[in-house]
N, C-alpha and C. Protein backbone atom coordinates (compact mmCIF):
# COMPACT_ATOMS: atom_id res chain seq x y z
N MET A 1 -56.40 134.37 151.20
CA MET A 1 -55.88 135.32 152.17
C MET A 1 -54.37 135.12 152.27
N GLN A 2 -53.65 136.20 152.61
CA GLN A 2 -52.19 136.16 152.57
C GLN A 2 -51.54 135.70 153.87
N GLY A 3 -52.31 135.20 154.81
CA GLY A 3 -51.76 134.73 156.07
C GLY A 3 -52.87 134.32 157.02
N THR A 4 -52.47 133.95 158.23
CA THR A 4 -53.40 133.53 159.26
C THR A 4 -53.80 134.71 160.13
N VAL A 5 -55.08 134.77 160.51
CA VAL A 5 -55.56 135.85 161.37
C VAL A 5 -56.17 135.27 162.64
N ARG A 6 -56.14 136.08 163.70
CA ARG A 6 -56.77 135.69 164.96
C ARG A 6 -57.64 136.85 165.44
N GLY A 7 -58.92 136.60 165.59
CA GLY A 7 -59.84 137.62 166.06
C GLY A 7 -60.18 137.41 167.53
N ALA A 8 -61.42 137.70 167.88
CA ALA A 8 -61.88 137.58 169.26
C ALA A 8 -63.32 137.12 169.25
N VAL A 9 -63.74 136.53 170.36
CA VAL A 9 -65.15 136.18 170.56
C VAL A 9 -65.74 137.20 171.51
N GLU A 10 -66.75 137.92 171.04
CA GLU A 10 -67.39 138.97 171.81
C GLU A 10 -68.88 138.70 171.90
N ARG A 11 -69.36 138.42 173.10
CA ARG A 11 -70.78 138.12 173.33
C ARG A 11 -71.28 137.01 172.40
N GLY A 12 -70.45 136.01 172.26
CA GLY A 12 -70.84 134.84 171.49
C GLY A 12 -70.65 134.96 169.99
N VAL A 13 -70.06 136.07 169.53
CA VAL A 13 -69.85 136.30 168.10
C VAL A 13 -68.35 136.36 167.83
N ALA A 14 -67.90 135.68 166.79
CA ALA A 14 -66.49 135.75 166.39
C ALA A 14 -66.29 136.99 165.52
N VAL A 15 -65.32 137.83 165.91
CA VAL A 15 -65.10 139.11 165.23
C VAL A 15 -63.65 139.19 164.77
N PHE A 16 -63.46 139.61 163.53
CA PHE A 16 -62.13 139.83 162.96
C PHE A 16 -62.13 141.23 162.35
N ARG A 17 -61.26 142.09 162.84
CA ARG A 17 -61.26 143.48 162.38
C ARG A 17 -59.92 143.82 161.71
N GLY A 18 -60.01 144.68 160.71
CA GLY A 18 -58.80 145.20 160.09
C GLY A 18 -58.05 144.21 159.21
N ILE A 19 -58.74 143.26 158.59
CA ILE A 19 -58.07 142.33 157.68
C ILE A 19 -57.78 143.04 156.36
N PRO A 20 -56.54 143.09 155.92
CA PRO A 20 -56.25 143.77 154.65
C PRO A 20 -56.76 142.96 153.46
N TYR A 21 -57.49 143.63 152.57
CA TYR A 21 -57.92 142.98 151.34
C TYR A 21 -57.14 143.49 150.13
N ALA A 22 -56.31 144.50 150.34
CA ALA A 22 -55.46 145.04 149.28
C ALA A 22 -54.24 145.68 149.93
N ALA A 23 -53.22 145.92 149.14
CA ALA A 23 -51.99 146.53 149.66
C ALA A 23 -52.24 147.97 150.08
N ALA A 24 -51.43 148.46 151.01
CA ALA A 24 -51.56 149.84 151.47
C ALA A 24 -51.40 150.80 150.29
N PRO A 25 -52.35 151.72 150.07
CA PRO A 25 -52.29 152.63 148.91
C PRO A 25 -51.43 153.85 149.20
N VAL A 26 -50.16 153.63 149.37
CA VAL A 26 -49.24 154.72 149.67
C VAL A 26 -48.07 154.67 148.68
N GLY A 27 -47.30 155.75 148.63
CA GLY A 27 -46.17 155.79 147.70
C GLY A 27 -46.64 155.67 146.27
N ALA A 28 -46.01 154.80 145.52
CA ALA A 28 -46.36 154.62 144.11
C ALA A 28 -47.76 154.06 143.93
N ARG A 29 -48.33 153.45 144.96
CA ARG A 29 -49.67 152.86 144.86
C ARG A 29 -50.79 153.86 145.18
N ARG A 30 -50.45 155.08 145.56
CA ARG A 30 -51.46 155.99 146.09
C ARG A 30 -52.63 156.19 145.14
N PHE A 31 -52.36 156.35 143.86
CA PHE A 31 -53.42 156.63 142.89
C PHE A 31 -53.58 155.50 141.88
N ARG A 32 -53.14 154.31 142.25
CA ARG A 32 -53.31 153.14 141.39
C ARG A 32 -54.57 152.38 141.77
N ALA A 33 -54.97 151.49 140.89
CA ALA A 33 -56.00 150.53 141.26
C ALA A 33 -55.47 149.65 142.39
N PRO A 34 -56.35 149.11 143.22
CA PRO A 34 -55.88 148.29 144.34
C PRO A 34 -55.09 147.07 143.87
N GLU A 35 -54.08 146.72 144.65
CA GLU A 35 -53.24 145.57 144.36
C GLU A 35 -53.32 144.58 145.52
N PRO A 36 -53.01 143.31 145.30
CA PRO A 36 -53.11 142.33 146.38
C PRO A 36 -52.24 142.72 147.58
N PRO A 37 -52.68 142.39 148.79
CA PRO A 37 -51.88 142.72 149.97
C PRO A 37 -50.63 141.87 150.05
N GLU A 38 -49.67 142.39 150.80
CA GLU A 38 -48.44 141.63 151.03
C GLU A 38 -48.73 140.48 151.98
N PRO A 39 -48.15 139.30 151.74
CA PRO A 39 -48.33 138.20 152.69
C PRO A 39 -47.61 138.48 154.00
N TRP A 40 -48.06 137.84 155.05
CA TRP A 40 -47.40 137.99 156.34
C TRP A 40 -47.13 136.61 156.93
N GLU A 41 -46.16 136.57 157.83
CA GLU A 41 -45.79 135.33 158.49
C GLU A 41 -46.41 135.31 159.88
N GLY A 42 -46.60 134.12 160.40
CA GLY A 42 -47.15 134.00 161.72
C GLY A 42 -48.64 134.32 161.74
N VAL A 43 -49.12 134.67 162.93
CA VAL A 43 -50.54 134.96 163.12
C VAL A 43 -50.74 136.46 163.28
N ARG A 44 -51.62 137.02 162.52
CA ARG A 44 -51.91 138.45 162.57
C ARG A 44 -53.10 138.69 163.49
N GLU A 45 -52.92 139.55 164.48
CA GLU A 45 -54.01 139.88 165.40
C GLU A 45 -54.99 140.82 164.69
N THR A 46 -56.26 140.44 164.69
CA THR A 46 -57.29 141.24 164.03
C THR A 46 -58.44 141.49 165.00
N VAL A 47 -58.09 142.06 166.14
CA VAL A 47 -59.08 142.36 167.17
C VAL A 47 -59.55 143.81 167.08
N ALA A 48 -58.61 144.74 166.84
CA ALA A 48 -58.94 146.17 166.76
C ALA A 48 -59.21 146.57 165.31
N PHE A 49 -59.98 147.64 165.14
CA PHE A 49 -60.23 148.15 163.79
C PHE A 49 -58.92 148.56 163.13
N GLY A 50 -58.84 148.34 161.83
CA GLY A 50 -57.68 148.76 161.07
C GLY A 50 -57.70 150.24 160.77
N PRO A 51 -56.64 150.76 160.16
CA PRO A 51 -56.57 152.18 159.83
C PRO A 51 -57.75 152.62 158.96
N THR A 52 -58.19 153.85 159.19
CA THR A 52 -59.25 154.44 158.39
C THR A 52 -58.65 155.36 157.34
N ALA A 53 -59.31 155.48 156.20
CA ALA A 53 -58.82 156.34 155.13
C ALA A 53 -58.88 157.80 155.54
N PRO A 54 -57.97 158.64 155.04
CA PRO A 54 -58.08 160.08 155.29
C PRO A 54 -59.46 160.57 154.86
N LYS A 55 -60.09 161.36 155.72
CA LYS A 55 -61.47 161.77 155.46
C LYS A 55 -61.78 163.07 156.16
N ARG A 56 -62.84 163.71 155.73
CA ARG A 56 -63.34 164.88 156.42
C ARG A 56 -64.22 164.45 157.59
N PRO A 57 -64.16 165.16 158.70
CA PRO A 57 -65.06 164.81 159.81
C PRO A 57 -66.49 165.18 159.47
N TYR A 58 -67.42 164.41 160.01
CA TYR A 58 -68.83 164.75 159.85
C TYR A 58 -69.12 166.07 160.57
N THR A 59 -70.05 166.83 160.04
CA THR A 59 -70.50 168.07 160.68
C THR A 59 -71.80 167.79 161.41
N PRO A 60 -72.19 168.67 162.37
CA PRO A 60 -73.45 168.47 163.09
C PRO A 60 -74.64 168.43 162.12
N PRO A 61 -75.67 167.62 162.39
CA PRO A 61 -75.80 166.72 163.54
C PRO A 61 -75.23 165.32 163.30
N LEU A 62 -74.69 165.07 162.09
CA LEU A 62 -74.21 163.73 161.79
C LEU A 62 -73.03 163.31 162.66
N ASP A 63 -72.26 164.27 163.15
CA ASP A 63 -71.12 163.90 163.99
C ASP A 63 -71.58 163.23 165.28
N ARG A 64 -72.81 163.53 165.72
CA ARG A 64 -73.34 162.86 166.92
C ARG A 64 -74.04 161.55 166.57
N LEU A 65 -74.67 161.52 165.40
CA LEU A 65 -75.35 160.30 164.99
C LEU A 65 -74.38 159.22 164.54
N LEU A 66 -73.28 159.65 163.90
CA LEU A 66 -72.30 158.71 163.33
C LEU A 66 -70.90 159.05 163.82
N PRO A 67 -70.64 158.89 165.12
CA PRO A 67 -69.28 159.16 165.60
C PRO A 67 -68.28 158.27 164.88
N ASP A 68 -67.28 158.90 164.27
CA ASP A 68 -66.39 158.18 163.36
C ASP A 68 -64.95 158.30 163.83
N PRO A 69 -64.42 157.27 164.50
CA PRO A 69 -63.04 157.36 164.98
C PRO A 69 -62.04 157.38 163.84
N GLU A 70 -60.92 158.05 164.08
CA GLU A 70 -59.80 158.01 163.14
C GLU A 70 -58.76 157.04 163.69
N VAL A 71 -58.43 156.05 162.89
CA VAL A 71 -57.42 155.06 163.27
C VAL A 71 -56.22 155.29 162.37
N ALA A 72 -55.09 155.61 162.97
CA ALA A 72 -53.89 155.96 162.20
C ALA A 72 -53.29 154.73 161.54
N GLY A 73 -52.61 154.95 160.43
CA GLY A 73 -51.92 153.88 159.72
C GLY A 73 -52.12 153.99 158.23
N ASP A 74 -51.36 153.21 157.48
CA ASP A 74 -51.40 153.27 156.02
C ASP A 74 -52.29 152.21 155.38
N GLU A 75 -52.58 151.13 156.09
CA GLU A 75 -53.33 150.02 155.49
C GLU A 75 -54.83 150.29 155.56
N TRP A 76 -55.27 151.32 154.82
CA TRP A 76 -56.68 151.72 154.87
C TRP A 76 -57.58 150.68 154.24
N LEU A 77 -57.06 149.89 153.30
CA LEU A 77 -57.90 148.97 152.55
C LEU A 77 -58.05 147.67 153.34
N ASN A 78 -58.94 147.74 154.30
CA ASN A 78 -59.16 146.60 155.19
C ASN A 78 -60.66 146.40 155.40
N LEU A 79 -61.00 145.27 155.94
CA LEU A 79 -62.40 144.95 156.19
C LEU A 79 -62.54 144.21 157.52
N ASN A 80 -63.78 144.08 157.96
CA ASN A 80 -64.10 143.44 159.23
C ASN A 80 -65.13 142.34 158.98
N VAL A 81 -65.06 141.29 159.78
CA VAL A 81 -65.98 140.16 159.64
C VAL A 81 -66.58 139.83 161.00
N TRP A 82 -67.90 139.73 161.05
CA TRP A 82 -68.62 139.20 162.21
C TRP A 82 -69.28 137.90 161.76
N THR A 83 -69.07 136.83 162.51
CA THR A 83 -69.62 135.54 162.12
C THR A 83 -70.08 134.78 163.35
N PRO A 84 -71.17 133.99 163.22
CA PRO A 84 -71.59 133.18 164.37
C PRO A 84 -70.51 132.21 164.80
N SER A 85 -69.80 131.65 163.83
CA SER A 85 -68.75 130.68 164.14
C SER A 85 -67.93 130.41 162.89
N THR A 86 -66.62 130.37 163.05
CA THR A 86 -65.78 130.01 161.91
C THR A 86 -65.91 128.53 161.57
N GLY A 87 -66.48 127.76 162.50
CA GLY A 87 -66.69 126.34 162.24
C GLY A 87 -67.98 126.05 161.49
N ALA A 88 -68.80 127.08 161.31
CA ALA A 88 -70.04 126.91 160.56
C ALA A 88 -69.74 126.84 159.07
N GLY A 89 -70.76 126.67 158.28
CA GLY A 89 -70.58 126.63 156.83
C GLY A 89 -71.89 126.95 156.13
N GLY A 90 -71.77 127.55 154.95
CA GLY A 90 -72.95 127.80 154.15
C GLY A 90 -73.84 128.92 154.63
N LEU A 91 -73.31 129.82 155.47
CA LEU A 91 -74.14 130.91 155.99
C LEU A 91 -74.26 132.04 154.97
N PRO A 92 -75.41 132.72 154.93
CA PRO A 92 -75.53 133.88 154.04
C PRO A 92 -74.59 134.99 154.48
N VAL A 93 -74.19 135.81 153.51
CA VAL A 93 -73.20 136.87 153.74
C VAL A 93 -73.80 138.21 153.33
N LEU A 94 -73.63 139.21 154.18
CA LEU A 94 -74.00 140.58 153.85
C LEU A 94 -72.75 141.44 153.87
N VAL A 95 -72.44 142.07 152.74
CA VAL A 95 -71.31 143.00 152.66
C VAL A 95 -71.87 144.41 152.78
N TRP A 96 -71.42 145.14 153.81
CA TRP A 96 -71.93 146.48 154.08
C TRP A 96 -70.89 147.52 153.67
N ILE A 97 -71.31 148.50 152.85
CA ILE A 97 -70.44 149.57 152.39
C ILE A 97 -70.95 150.89 152.94
N HIS A 98 -70.13 151.54 153.74
CA HIS A 98 -70.58 152.76 154.42
C HIS A 98 -70.76 153.91 153.44
N GLY A 99 -71.60 154.85 153.82
CA GLY A 99 -71.80 156.06 153.03
C GLY A 99 -70.95 157.21 153.54
N GLY A 100 -71.32 158.43 153.12
CA GLY A 100 -70.58 159.61 153.55
C GLY A 100 -70.17 160.51 152.42
N SER A 101 -70.96 160.53 151.33
CA SER A 101 -70.70 161.42 150.19
C SER A 101 -69.32 161.21 149.57
N LEU A 102 -68.74 160.03 149.75
CA LEU A 102 -67.40 159.71 149.24
C LEU A 102 -66.32 160.57 149.88
N LEU A 103 -66.65 161.22 150.99
CA LEU A 103 -65.72 162.10 151.69
C LEU A 103 -65.57 161.74 153.16
N HIS A 104 -66.59 161.13 153.74
CA HIS A 104 -66.63 160.88 155.18
C HIS A 104 -66.83 159.39 155.44
N GLY A 105 -66.68 159.03 156.72
CA GLY A 105 -67.10 157.72 157.17
C GLY A 105 -66.01 156.66 157.14
N SER A 106 -66.34 155.54 157.79
CA SER A 106 -65.47 154.37 157.81
C SER A 106 -66.27 153.20 158.34
N SER A 107 -65.69 152.02 158.28
CA SER A 107 -66.36 150.84 158.81
C SER A 107 -66.29 150.77 160.32
N ALA A 108 -65.58 151.72 160.95
CA ALA A 108 -65.44 151.71 162.41
C ALA A 108 -66.55 152.48 163.11
N VAL A 109 -67.48 153.08 162.37
CA VAL A 109 -68.62 153.77 162.99
C VAL A 109 -69.40 152.75 163.82
N PRO A 110 -69.67 153.03 165.10
CA PRO A 110 -70.28 152.02 165.98
C PRO A 110 -71.59 151.44 165.47
N VAL A 111 -72.41 152.24 164.79
CA VAL A 111 -73.71 151.75 164.34
C VAL A 111 -73.57 150.65 163.29
N TYR A 112 -72.39 150.51 162.69
CA TYR A 112 -72.18 149.47 161.68
C TYR A 112 -71.72 148.15 162.29
N ASP A 113 -71.71 148.04 163.59
CA ASP A 113 -71.33 146.78 164.24
C ASP A 113 -72.22 145.65 163.73
N GLY A 114 -71.59 144.54 163.38
CA GLY A 114 -72.34 143.44 162.76
C GLY A 114 -72.75 142.33 163.70
N SER A 115 -72.64 142.55 165.01
CA SER A 115 -72.92 141.47 165.95
C SER A 115 -74.36 140.96 165.86
N ALA A 116 -75.32 141.87 165.71
CA ALA A 116 -76.73 141.45 165.66
C ALA A 116 -76.99 140.54 164.45
N PHE A 117 -76.37 140.87 163.32
CA PHE A 117 -76.53 140.01 162.15
C PHE A 117 -75.95 138.63 162.42
N ALA A 118 -74.75 138.60 163.02
CA ALA A 118 -74.11 137.31 163.28
C ALA A 118 -74.95 136.46 164.23
N ARG A 119 -75.55 137.08 165.24
CA ARG A 119 -76.40 136.32 166.16
C ARG A 119 -77.63 135.75 165.46
N ASP A 120 -78.01 136.37 164.34
CA ASP A 120 -79.14 135.86 163.55
C ASP A 120 -78.69 134.91 162.44
N GLY A 121 -77.42 134.53 162.44
CA GLY A 121 -76.95 133.55 161.48
C GLY A 121 -76.46 134.09 160.17
N VAL A 122 -76.09 135.38 160.13
CA VAL A 122 -75.59 136.01 158.92
C VAL A 122 -74.14 136.45 159.15
N VAL A 123 -73.27 136.18 158.20
CA VAL A 123 -71.90 136.69 158.26
C VAL A 123 -71.91 138.10 157.68
N LEU A 124 -71.51 139.08 158.49
CA LEU A 124 -71.48 140.46 158.01
C LEU A 124 -70.05 140.90 157.79
N VAL A 125 -69.81 141.53 156.64
CA VAL A 125 -68.51 142.08 156.28
C VAL A 125 -68.68 143.57 156.05
N SER A 126 -67.89 144.40 156.73
CA SER A 126 -67.91 145.85 156.48
C SER A 126 -66.55 146.27 155.93
N VAL A 127 -66.57 147.28 155.07
CA VAL A 127 -65.42 147.57 154.21
C VAL A 127 -64.98 149.02 154.34
N ASN A 128 -63.67 149.25 154.42
CA ASN A 128 -63.09 150.58 154.23
C ASN A 128 -62.61 150.72 152.79
N TYR A 129 -62.70 151.92 152.26
CA TYR A 129 -62.21 152.19 150.90
C TYR A 129 -61.70 153.62 150.84
N ARG A 130 -60.95 153.94 149.79
CA ARG A 130 -60.38 155.28 149.66
C ARG A 130 -61.47 156.33 149.45
N LEU A 131 -61.28 157.48 150.07
CA LEU A 131 -62.24 158.57 150.01
C LEU A 131 -61.59 159.81 149.42
N GLY A 132 -62.40 160.81 149.12
CA GLY A 132 -61.88 162.11 148.72
C GLY A 132 -60.95 162.04 147.53
N VAL A 133 -59.87 162.82 147.62
CA VAL A 133 -58.91 162.90 146.51
C VAL A 133 -58.28 161.54 146.24
N GLU A 134 -57.92 160.81 147.31
CA GLU A 134 -57.28 159.51 147.10
C GLU A 134 -58.19 158.55 146.34
N GLY A 135 -59.47 158.60 146.63
CA GLY A 135 -60.38 157.65 146.02
C GLY A 135 -61.05 158.11 144.75
N PHE A 136 -61.24 159.43 144.59
CA PHE A 136 -62.10 159.89 143.50
C PHE A 136 -61.57 161.12 142.76
N GLY A 137 -60.40 161.62 143.12
CA GLY A 137 -59.81 162.70 142.35
C GLY A 137 -59.40 162.23 140.96
N LEU A 138 -59.50 163.12 139.98
CA LEU A 138 -59.14 162.78 138.60
C LEU A 138 -57.74 163.29 138.29
N PHE A 139 -56.86 162.37 137.87
CA PHE A 139 -55.48 162.71 137.55
C PHE A 139 -55.08 162.02 136.26
N PRO A 140 -54.20 162.64 135.47
CA PRO A 140 -53.70 161.96 134.27
C PRO A 140 -52.99 160.65 134.65
N ASP A 141 -53.19 159.65 133.85
CA ASP A 141 -52.51 158.35 134.01
C ASP A 141 -52.92 157.62 135.29
N ALA A 142 -54.02 158.03 135.91
CA ALA A 142 -54.52 157.32 137.10
C ALA A 142 -55.95 156.86 136.81
N PRO A 143 -56.31 155.65 137.21
CA PRO A 143 -57.68 155.19 136.96
C PRO A 143 -58.68 156.01 137.77
N ALA A 144 -59.83 156.26 137.20
CA ALA A 144 -60.88 156.99 137.91
C ALA A 144 -61.59 156.07 138.89
N ASN A 145 -62.30 156.67 139.84
CA ASN A 145 -63.13 155.92 140.78
C ASN A 145 -62.35 154.83 141.51
N ARG A 146 -61.18 155.19 142.01
CA ARG A 146 -60.36 154.20 142.71
C ARG A 146 -61.06 153.66 143.95
N GLY A 147 -61.85 154.51 144.60
CA GLY A 147 -62.59 154.02 145.77
C GLY A 147 -63.58 152.93 145.41
N LEU A 148 -64.20 153.03 144.24
CA LEU A 148 -65.11 151.97 143.80
C LEU A 148 -64.33 150.72 143.39
N LEU A 149 -63.16 150.91 142.81
CA LEU A 149 -62.32 149.75 142.51
C LEU A 149 -61.91 149.04 143.80
N ASP A 150 -61.70 149.81 144.87
CA ASP A 150 -61.42 149.19 146.17
C ASP A 150 -62.58 148.30 146.61
N GLN A 151 -63.80 148.80 146.44
CA GLN A 151 -64.97 148.02 146.84
C GLN A 151 -65.04 146.71 146.05
N LEU A 152 -64.74 146.77 144.77
CA LEU A 152 -64.73 145.54 143.97
C LEU A 152 -63.66 144.57 144.45
N ALA A 153 -62.49 145.11 144.83
CA ALA A 153 -61.42 144.25 145.36
C ALA A 153 -61.88 143.58 146.66
N ALA A 154 -62.63 144.31 147.48
CA ALA A 154 -63.14 143.72 148.72
C ALA A 154 -64.13 142.59 148.41
N LEU A 155 -64.97 142.77 147.39
CA LEU A 155 -65.90 141.71 147.00
C LEU A 155 -65.16 140.49 146.48
N GLU A 156 -64.08 140.70 145.78
CA GLU A 156 -63.27 139.57 145.33
C GLU A 156 -62.67 138.83 146.52
N TRP A 157 -62.23 139.59 147.54
CA TRP A 157 -61.71 138.96 148.75
C TRP A 157 -62.80 138.10 149.39
N VAL A 158 -64.00 138.63 149.48
CA VAL A 158 -65.11 137.87 150.06
C VAL A 158 -65.34 136.59 149.26
N ARG A 159 -65.37 136.70 147.96
CA ARG A 159 -65.58 135.52 147.11
C ARG A 159 -64.53 134.45 147.40
N ASP A 160 -63.28 134.85 147.59
CA ASP A 160 -62.18 133.90 147.73
C ASP A 160 -61.98 133.40 149.15
N ASN A 161 -62.44 134.15 150.16
CA ASN A 161 -62.05 133.84 151.53
C ASN A 161 -63.18 133.66 152.53
N ILE A 162 -64.40 134.04 152.19
CA ILE A 162 -65.44 134.07 153.22
C ILE A 162 -65.82 132.68 153.71
N ALA A 163 -65.56 131.64 152.92
CA ALA A 163 -65.86 130.29 153.39
C ALA A 163 -65.08 129.94 154.65
N ALA A 164 -63.88 130.50 154.80
CA ALA A 164 -63.07 130.24 155.99
C ALA A 164 -63.69 130.85 157.24
N PHE A 165 -64.65 131.75 157.07
CA PHE A 165 -65.33 132.40 158.19
C PHE A 165 -66.77 131.91 158.34
N GLY A 166 -67.08 130.81 157.69
CA GLY A 166 -68.42 130.23 157.80
C GLY A 166 -69.41 130.71 156.76
N GLY A 167 -69.00 131.62 155.88
CA GLY A 167 -69.92 132.16 154.90
C GLY A 167 -69.94 131.37 153.61
N ASP A 168 -71.02 131.54 152.86
CA ASP A 168 -71.19 130.88 151.57
C ASP A 168 -70.93 131.90 150.46
N PRO A 169 -69.87 131.74 149.67
CA PRO A 169 -69.58 132.70 148.60
C PRO A 169 -70.65 132.73 147.51
N ASP A 170 -71.55 131.75 147.51
CA ASP A 170 -72.65 131.74 146.55
C ASP A 170 -73.89 132.45 147.08
N ARG A 171 -73.81 132.99 148.29
CA ARG A 171 -74.98 133.66 148.89
C ARG A 171 -74.54 135.00 149.48
N VAL A 172 -74.12 135.90 148.62
CA VAL A 172 -73.60 137.20 149.05
C VAL A 172 -74.57 138.30 148.63
N THR A 173 -74.93 139.15 149.57
CA THR A 173 -75.72 140.35 149.29
C THR A 173 -74.86 141.56 149.58
N VAL A 174 -74.85 142.52 148.68
CA VAL A 174 -74.10 143.76 148.85
C VAL A 174 -75.08 144.87 149.19
N ALA A 175 -74.83 145.57 150.29
CA ALA A 175 -75.73 146.63 150.73
C ALA A 175 -74.92 147.84 151.17
N GLY A 176 -75.57 148.99 151.20
CA GLY A 176 -74.91 150.20 151.65
C GLY A 176 -75.92 151.32 151.79
N GLU A 177 -75.48 152.42 152.39
CA GLU A 177 -76.35 153.58 152.51
C GLU A 177 -75.66 154.79 151.90
N SER A 178 -76.47 155.66 151.32
CA SER A 178 -75.98 156.88 150.69
C SER A 178 -74.95 156.51 149.62
N ALA A 179 -73.74 157.07 149.69
CA ALA A 179 -72.72 156.77 148.68
C ALA A 179 -72.34 155.30 148.67
N GLY A 180 -72.61 154.58 149.75
CA GLY A 180 -72.31 153.16 149.80
C GLY A 180 -73.20 152.31 148.91
N ARG A 181 -74.21 152.93 148.28
CA ARG A 181 -75.07 152.18 147.37
C ARG A 181 -74.50 152.12 145.95
N SER A 182 -73.33 152.66 145.74
CA SER A 182 -72.78 152.73 144.38
C SER A 182 -72.79 151.39 143.65
N PRO A 183 -72.50 150.25 144.31
CA PRO A 183 -72.52 148.99 143.56
C PRO A 183 -73.88 148.64 142.98
N SER A 184 -74.97 149.28 143.46
CA SER A 184 -76.29 148.99 142.91
C SER A 184 -76.61 149.81 141.68
N ARG A 185 -75.77 150.77 141.34
CA ARG A 185 -76.04 151.61 140.17
C ARG A 185 -75.81 150.82 138.88
N PRO A 186 -76.62 151.08 137.86
CA PRO A 186 -76.54 150.27 136.63
C PRO A 186 -75.14 150.16 136.04
N CYS A 187 -74.37 151.25 136.08
CA CYS A 187 -73.06 151.23 135.42
C CYS A 187 -72.07 150.31 136.13
N TRP A 188 -72.36 149.92 137.38
CA TRP A 188 -71.43 149.07 138.12
C TRP A 188 -71.91 147.64 138.29
N ARG A 189 -73.13 147.35 137.84
CA ARG A 189 -73.69 146.03 138.13
C ARG A 189 -72.87 144.90 137.52
N ARG A 190 -72.43 145.08 136.28
CA ARG A 190 -71.65 144.02 135.65
C ARG A 190 -70.35 143.78 136.39
N SER A 191 -69.70 144.87 136.83
CA SER A 191 -68.44 144.72 137.57
C SER A 191 -68.67 144.02 138.90
N VAL A 192 -69.78 144.33 139.57
CA VAL A 192 -70.09 143.67 140.83
C VAL A 192 -70.32 142.18 140.60
N ARG A 193 -71.07 141.85 139.56
CA ARG A 193 -71.31 140.43 139.26
C ARG A 193 -70.00 139.71 138.96
N ARG A 194 -69.11 140.38 138.24
CA ARG A 194 -67.83 139.76 137.90
C ARG A 194 -67.00 139.53 139.17
N ALA A 195 -67.02 140.50 140.09
CA ALA A 195 -66.27 140.35 141.34
C ALA A 195 -66.81 139.19 142.16
N CYS A 196 -68.11 138.93 142.03
CA CYS A 196 -68.74 137.84 142.77
C CYS A 196 -68.92 136.60 141.90
N SER A 197 -68.21 136.52 140.79
CA SER A 197 -68.44 135.46 139.80
C SER A 197 -68.34 134.09 140.45
N GLY A 198 -69.21 133.22 139.98
CA GLY A 198 -69.28 131.88 140.53
C GLY A 198 -70.38 131.75 141.55
N GLY A 199 -70.95 132.88 141.97
CA GLY A 199 -72.02 132.82 142.95
C GLY A 199 -73.12 133.80 142.62
N ARG A 200 -74.13 133.82 143.46
CA ARG A 200 -75.25 134.73 143.29
C ARG A 200 -75.01 135.93 144.19
N CYS A 201 -74.64 137.04 143.60
CA CYS A 201 -74.33 138.26 144.35
C CYS A 201 -75.46 139.25 144.10
N SER A 202 -76.29 139.49 145.09
CA SER A 202 -77.42 140.40 144.92
C SER A 202 -77.11 141.73 145.57
N ARG A 203 -77.96 142.72 145.28
CA ARG A 203 -77.74 144.07 145.78
C ARG A 203 -78.97 144.52 146.54
N ALA A 204 -78.77 145.05 147.73
CA ALA A 204 -79.87 145.60 148.51
C ALA A 204 -79.88 147.11 148.35
N GLY A 205 -81.05 147.66 148.08
CA GLY A 205 -81.16 149.10 147.90
C GLY A 205 -81.11 149.49 146.45
N ARG A 206 -81.70 150.63 146.14
CA ARG A 206 -81.73 151.12 144.77
C ARG A 206 -81.20 152.54 144.74
N PRO A 207 -80.55 152.93 143.64
CA PRO A 207 -80.11 154.31 143.53
C PRO A 207 -81.30 155.22 143.34
N PRO A 208 -81.15 156.50 143.69
CA PRO A 208 -82.25 157.42 143.46
C PRO A 208 -82.51 157.57 141.98
N PRO A 209 -83.76 157.89 141.58
CA PRO A 209 -84.07 158.03 140.16
C PRO A 209 -83.35 159.21 139.55
């Protein structure tokens, strides 16, 4: 990690929100593969959710089922961690990737709160990634599927940093719903394993036939 973070304890669970796992995808980086975040000095407050990627709002009835706040800012490539205790060690880790047809959604949707998992002894990580044109538009001289490359960068962050939050990098499960199941698709399995190299990274859920 590129600096020190300070979260909050909420109902007995340690929560860290908006931790950057890659540099802000703006300017020359807008259509590039994700790059490491810039280091920071001092202590970074990670209590509130970080910026959400530009996205289309959900239409009824999903707008009521999945209320999705928009958080302004450029550092869309961020993640959140819920953990029973940063002083723990060897806890299983669940990485949650939100769905939304690659056009909607964010990790700030209330139903994705990871407190219940943390109270059961699981470190939960939820991830924001580029959506729509920024994440999946095809352009000359730009890598395709940038939003999926963001997800792989987040998994690499988990591999390198989750031990500091009580998690075991050798016990990571990747899960998601709808478009968030992309890491379970056959064409991405090798890349997911590589991002989690050194540990056992499993996938929850299967793609449709």
